[in-house]
Amino acid sequence: MKKIGFLTLLITATLLLTLAFPAAAAGPKSPAAVPVPVAAAAPAPAAAAAMPEPHPHIDEALEAMRNAKHHLEASEHDFDGHRHKAIEHLDRAIREAEICMSMR
């Protein structure tokens, strides 16, 4: 029985090492290894200023918050004022997300 346990441990260790080394070798490369053309570096800030980066997560969050607000407004029950309070919080969150979008 001890031999089977030892062999199982040895095989498991071998498999782990076999899988670990190729994964480590194929890991991310350092930024210094990637050549950066000098001519492309100058127009990049001008292009970034002219065309802001898209923010799909904020767009999706805004849409979700607006949908949630619509559902709460369409709700028939007030839930002891909690529905109204949730709508107020959503209004503030929507305003903050819109400010984020304006800072592109």
N, C-alpha and C. Protein backbone atom coordinates (compact mmCIF):
# COMPACT_ATOMS: atom_id res chain seq x y z
N MET A 1 0.81 -1.19 0.00
CA MET A 1 0.00 0.00 0.00
C MET A 1 0.86 1.26 0.00
N LYS A 2 2.00 1.18 0.70
CA LYS A 2 2.86 2.36 0.75
C LYS A 2 3.41 2.67 -0.64
N LYS A 3 3.67 1.62 -1.42
CA LYS A 3 4.19 1.83 -2.77
C LYS A 3 3.17 2.54 -3.64
N ILE A 4 1.89 2.18 -3.52
CA ILE A 4 0.83 2.80 -4.32
C ILE A 4 0.69 4.28 -3.95
N GLY A 5 0.73 4.56 -2.66
CA GLY A 5 0.64 5.95 -2.20
C GLY A 5 1.81 6.78 -2.70
N PHE A 6 3.02 6.19 -2.62
CA PHE A 6 4.20 6.88 -3.10
C PHE A 6 4.13 7.12 -4.61
N LEU A 7 3.70 6.10 -5.35
CA LEU A 7 3.58 6.25 -6.80
C LEU A 7 2.53 7.30 -7.17
N THR A 8 1.42 7.31 -6.44
CA THR A 8 0.39 8.32 -6.70
C THR A 8 0.94 9.71 -6.46
N LEU A 9 1.68 9.90 -5.38
CA LEU A 9 2.28 11.18 -5.07
C LEU A 9 3.29 11.57 -6.14
N LEU A 10 4.10 10.63 -6.57
CA LEU A 10 5.12 10.89 -7.59
C LEU A 10 4.47 11.27 -8.92
N ILE A 11 3.44 10.55 -9.32
CA ILE A 11 2.75 10.84 -10.59
C ILE A 11 2.07 12.21 -10.52
N THR A 12 1.43 12.51 -9.38
CA THR A 12 0.77 13.80 -9.23
C THR A 12 1.78 14.94 -9.30
N ALA A 13 2.91 14.79 -8.62
CA ALA A 13 3.94 15.82 -8.65
C ALA A 13 4.49 16.00 -10.07
N THR A 14 4.69 14.89 -10.76
CA THR A 14 5.19 14.96 -12.14
C THR A 14 4.20 15.69 -13.04
N LEU A 15 2.93 15.37 -12.92
CA LEU A 15 1.92 16.05 -13.73
C LEU A 15 1.85 17.54 -13.42
N LEU A 16 1.91 17.89 -12.15
CA LEU A 16 1.87 19.30 -11.78
C LEU A 16 3.06 20.06 -12.32
N LEU A 17 4.24 19.48 -12.20
CA LEU A 17 5.43 20.14 -12.73
C LEU A 17 5.38 20.23 -14.25
N THR A 18 4.87 19.20 -14.90
CA THR A 18 4.76 19.21 -16.36
C THR A 18 3.82 20.32 -16.82
N LEU A 19 2.75 20.52 -16.09
CA LEU A 19 1.80 21.56 -16.46
C LEU A 19 2.27 22.95 -16.04
N ALA A 20 3.02 23.05 -14.97
CA ALA A 20 3.44 24.35 -14.45
C ALA A 20 4.53 24.99 -15.30
N PHE A 21 5.49 24.24 -15.75
CA PHE A 21 6.60 24.83 -16.47
C PHE A 21 6.20 25.41 -17.83
N PRO A 22 5.43 24.73 -18.67
CA PRO A 22 5.02 25.37 -19.92
C PRO A 22 4.14 26.61 -19.68
N ALA A 23 3.34 26.58 -18.65
CA ALA A 23 2.50 27.74 -18.35
C ALA A 23 3.36 28.92 -17.93
N ALA A 24 4.39 28.68 -17.16
CA ALA A 24 5.28 29.75 -16.74
C ALA A 24 6.10 30.27 -17.92
N ALA A 25 6.49 29.39 -18.81
CA ALA A 25 7.27 29.81 -19.97
C ALA A 25 6.43 30.62 -20.94
N ALA A 26 5.13 30.35 -20.99
CA ALA A 26 4.25 31.07 -21.91
C ALA A 26 3.58 32.26 -21.23
N GLY A 27 4.04 32.65 -20.06
CA GLY A 27 3.46 33.76 -19.31
C GLY A 27 3.65 35.09 -20.03
N PRO A 28 3.15 36.17 -19.43
CA PRO A 28 3.24 37.48 -20.07
C PRO A 28 4.68 37.94 -20.19
N LYS A 29 4.96 38.60 -21.27
CA LYS A 29 6.31 39.09 -21.52
C LYS A 29 6.46 40.48 -20.91
N SER A 30 7.66 40.83 -20.57
CA SER A 30 7.91 42.14 -19.99
C SER A 30 7.69 43.22 -21.04
N PRO A 31 7.32 44.43 -20.64
CA PRO A 31 7.10 45.50 -21.60
C PRO A 31 8.35 45.85 -22.39
N ALA A 32 9.53 45.61 -21.82
CA ALA A 32 10.76 45.94 -22.53
C ALA A 32 10.98 45.02 -23.73
N ALA A 33 10.39 43.83 -23.72
CA ALA A 33 10.59 42.89 -24.82
C ALA A 33 9.78 43.27 -26.06
N VAL A 34 8.79 44.14 -25.89
CA VAL A 34 7.96 44.54 -27.02
C VAL A 34 8.52 45.83 -27.60
N PRO A 35 8.98 45.83 -28.85
CA PRO A 35 9.51 47.05 -29.44
C PRO A 35 8.38 48.05 -29.71
N VAL A 36 8.62 49.29 -29.35
CA VAL A 36 7.64 50.35 -29.55
C VAL A 36 8.20 51.31 -30.59
N PRO A 37 7.50 51.49 -31.70
CA PRO A 37 7.99 52.43 -32.71
C PRO A 37 7.94 53.86 -32.18
N VAL A 38 9.00 54.61 -32.42
CA VAL A 38 9.12 55.97 -31.91
C VAL A 38 8.16 56.90 -32.63
N ALA A 39 7.95 56.71 -33.90
CA ALA A 39 7.08 57.60 -34.68
C ALA A 39 5.63 57.48 -34.23
N ALA A 40 5.19 56.32 -33.77
CA ALA A 40 3.80 56.13 -33.37
C ALA A 40 3.52 56.73 -32.00
N ALA A 41 4.54 57.00 -31.22
CA ALA A 41 4.33 57.53 -29.88
C ALA A 41 3.85 58.98 -29.90
N ALA A 42 4.29 59.78 -30.83
CA ALA A 42 3.91 61.19 -30.88
C ALA A 42 2.44 61.41 -31.23
N PRO A 43 1.86 60.75 -32.24
CA PRO A 43 0.46 61.00 -32.57
C PRO A 43 -0.53 60.40 -31.57
N ALA A 44 -0.11 59.47 -30.75
CA ALA A 44 -1.04 58.80 -29.83
C ALA A 44 -1.71 59.77 -28.86
N PRO A 45 -1.00 60.71 -28.20
CA PRO A 45 -1.70 61.63 -27.31
C PRO A 45 -2.68 62.54 -28.06
N ALA A 46 -2.33 62.95 -29.25
CA ALA A 46 -3.24 63.79 -30.02
C ALA A 46 -4.49 63.02 -30.40
N ALA A 47 -4.34 61.75 -30.76
CA ALA A 47 -5.49 60.93 -31.11
C ALA A 47 -6.34 60.67 -29.88
N ALA A 48 -5.71 60.49 -28.73
CA ALA A 48 -6.45 60.24 -27.50
C ALA A 48 -7.25 61.47 -27.09
N ALA A 49 -6.72 62.66 -27.32
CA ALA A 49 -7.43 63.88 -26.96
C ALA A 49 -8.60 64.10 -27.91
N ALA A 50 -8.43 63.76 -29.16
CA ALA A 50 -9.50 63.98 -30.13
C ALA A 50 -10.61 62.97 -29.98
N MET A 51 -10.28 61.72 -29.63
CA MET A 51 -11.27 60.67 -29.54
C MET A 51 -11.17 60.00 -28.18
N PRO A 52 -12.09 60.29 -27.26
CA PRO A 52 -12.01 59.71 -25.92
C PRO A 52 -12.24 58.20 -25.94
N GLU A 53 -11.70 57.56 -24.92
CA GLU A 53 -11.86 56.12 -24.81
C GLU A 53 -13.31 55.77 -24.49
N PRO A 54 -13.85 54.72 -25.08
CA PRO A 54 -15.21 54.31 -24.74
C PRO A 54 -15.23 53.64 -23.37
N HIS A 55 -16.34 53.77 -22.71
CA HIS A 55 -16.51 53.17 -21.38
C HIS A 55 -17.75 52.29 -21.40
N PRO A 56 -17.65 51.09 -21.98
CA PRO A 56 -18.84 50.24 -22.11
C PRO A 56 -19.42 49.81 -20.77
N HIS A 57 -18.60 49.65 -19.75
CA HIS A 57 -19.14 49.22 -18.45
C HIS A 57 -20.00 50.32 -17.84
N ILE A 58 -19.58 51.57 -17.99
CA ILE A 58 -20.37 52.67 -17.44
C ILE A 58 -21.65 52.83 -18.25
N ASP A 59 -21.56 52.68 -19.57
CA ASP A 59 -22.77 52.74 -20.41
C ASP A 59 -23.77 51.68 -19.99
N GLU A 60 -23.30 50.47 -19.78
CA GLU A 60 -24.18 49.37 -19.36
C GLU A 60 -24.75 49.62 -17.97
N ALA A 61 -23.94 50.17 -17.08
CA ALA A 61 -24.41 50.46 -15.73
C ALA A 61 -25.50 51.54 -15.76
N LEU A 62 -25.30 52.56 -16.59
CA LEU A 62 -26.32 53.61 -16.73
C LEU A 62 -27.63 53.03 -17.23
N GLU A 63 -27.54 52.19 -18.24
CA GLU A 63 -28.75 51.57 -18.78
C GLU A 63 -29.45 50.72 -17.73
N ALA A 64 -28.67 49.96 -16.96
CA ALA A 64 -29.26 49.10 -15.93
C ALA A 64 -29.91 49.95 -14.83
N MET A 65 -29.25 51.04 -14.43
CA MET A 65 -29.83 51.89 -13.39
C MET A 65 -31.11 52.56 -13.87
N ARG A 66 -31.12 52.99 -15.13
CA ARG A 66 -32.34 53.61 -15.67
C ARG A 66 -33.47 52.60 -15.75
N ASN A 67 -33.15 51.37 -16.13
CA ASN A 67 -34.18 50.31 -16.17
C ASN A 67 -34.70 50.01 -14.77
N ALA A 68 -33.79 49.94 -13.80
CA ALA A 68 -34.21 49.68 -12.42
C ALA A 68 -35.10 50.80 -11.91
N LYS A 69 -34.75 52.03 -12.22
CA LYS A 69 -35.57 53.17 -11.80
C LYS A 69 -36.96 53.08 -12.42
N HIS A 70 -37.01 52.73 -13.70
CA HIS A 70 -38.30 52.60 -14.39
C HIS A 70 -39.16 51.53 -13.73
N HIS A 71 -38.55 50.39 -13.39
CA HIS A 71 -39.29 49.31 -12.75
C HIS A 71 -39.80 49.73 -11.37
N LEU A 72 -38.97 50.44 -10.62
CA LEU A 72 -39.40 50.91 -9.30
C LEU A 72 -40.54 51.92 -9.42
N GLU A 73 -40.45 52.80 -10.40
CA GLU A 73 -41.51 53.79 -10.59
C GLU A 73 -42.82 53.14 -11.00
N ALA A 74 -42.73 52.04 -11.74
CA ALA A 74 -43.94 51.34 -12.20
C ALA A 74 -44.52 50.43 -11.12
N SER A 75 -43.80 50.24 -10.04
CA SER A 75 -44.27 49.37 -8.96
C SER A 75 -45.48 49.98 -8.28
N GLU A 76 -46.44 49.13 -7.90
CA GLU A 76 -47.67 49.62 -7.29
C GLU A 76 -47.53 49.82 -5.78
N HIS A 77 -46.68 49.07 -5.14
CA HIS A 77 -46.54 49.13 -3.69
C HIS A 77 -45.42 50.10 -3.31
N ASP A 78 -45.57 50.79 -2.18
CA ASP A 78 -44.57 51.78 -1.75
C ASP A 78 -43.50 51.18 -0.84
N PHE A 79 -43.78 50.07 -0.21
CA PHE A 79 -42.84 49.39 0.69
C PHE A 79 -42.38 50.31 1.81
N ASP A 80 -43.35 50.98 2.43
CA ASP A 80 -43.10 51.87 3.57
C ASP A 80 -42.06 52.94 3.27
N GLY A 81 -42.07 53.49 2.08
CA GLY A 81 -41.16 54.57 1.71
C GLY A 81 -39.84 54.12 1.15
N HIS A 82 -39.56 52.83 1.20
CA HIS A 82 -38.27 52.34 0.70
C HIS A 82 -38.17 52.42 -0.82
N ARG A 83 -39.29 52.28 -1.51
CA ARG A 83 -39.28 52.40 -2.97
C ARG A 83 -38.86 53.82 -3.36
N HIS A 84 -39.44 54.82 -2.69
CA HIS A 84 -39.10 56.22 -2.98
C HIS A 84 -37.63 56.49 -2.67
N LYS A 85 -37.14 55.96 -1.57
CA LYS A 85 -35.74 56.15 -1.19
C LYS A 85 -34.81 55.49 -2.21
N ALA A 86 -35.18 54.32 -2.69
CA ALA A 86 -34.37 53.63 -3.70
C ALA A 86 -34.32 54.43 -4.99
N ILE A 87 -35.45 55.05 -5.36
CA ILE A 87 -35.48 55.88 -6.57
C ILE A 87 -34.56 57.09 -6.40
N GLU A 88 -34.56 57.70 -5.21
CA GLU A 88 -33.67 58.83 -4.95
C GLU A 88 -32.21 58.41 -5.07
N HIS A 89 -31.87 57.25 -4.52
CA HIS A 89 -30.49 56.75 -4.60
C HIS A 89 -30.11 56.48 -6.05
N LEU A 90 -31.03 55.92 -6.82
CA LEU A 90 -30.75 55.67 -8.23
C LEU A 90 -30.54 56.98 -8.99
N ASP A 91 -31.34 58.00 -8.67
CA ASP A 91 -31.16 59.30 -9.32
C ASP A 91 -29.75 59.84 -9.07
N ARG A 92 -29.29 59.73 -7.83
CA ARG A 92 -27.94 60.20 -7.51
C ARG A 92 -26.87 59.36 -8.20
N ALA A 93 -27.08 58.07 -8.24
CA ALA A 93 -26.11 57.19 -8.90
C ALA A 93 -26.06 57.45 -10.41
N ILE A 94 -27.21 57.69 -10.99
CA ILE A 94 -27.27 57.99 -12.43
C ILE A 94 -26.53 59.30 -12.71
N ARG A 95 -26.74 60.31 -11.86
CA ARG A 95 -26.03 61.59 -12.04
C ARG A 95 -24.53 61.39 -11.95
N GLU A 96 -24.07 60.61 -10.98
CA GLU A 96 -22.63 60.37 -10.83
C GLU A 96 -22.06 59.62 -12.05
N ALA A 97 -22.78 58.64 -12.54
CA ALA A 97 -22.31 57.90 -13.72
C ALA A 97 -22.29 58.80 -14.95
N GLU A 98 -23.25 59.70 -15.06
CA GLU A 98 -23.24 60.66 -16.18
C GLU A 98 -22.05 61.59 -16.09
N ILE A 99 -21.67 61.98 -14.87
CA ILE A 99 -20.46 62.79 -14.69
C ILE A 99 -19.24 62.01 -15.15
N CYS A 100 -19.19 60.73 -14.79
CA CYS A 100 -18.08 59.88 -15.26
C CYS A 100 -18.00 59.87 -16.78
N MET A 101 -19.14 59.75 -17.42
CA MET A 101 -19.18 59.70 -18.88
C MET A 101 -18.74 61.02 -19.50
N SER A 102 -19.00 62.14 -18.82
CA SER A 102 -18.61 63.43 -19.37
C SER A 102 -17.12 63.66 -19.25
N MET A 103 -16.41 62.88 -18.44
CA MET A 103 -14.97 63.04 -18.24
C MET A 103 -14.17 62.13 -19.15
N ARG A 104 -14.73 61.70 -20.21
CA ARG A 104 -14.02 60.81 -21.15
C ARG A 104 -12.76 61.45 -21.53
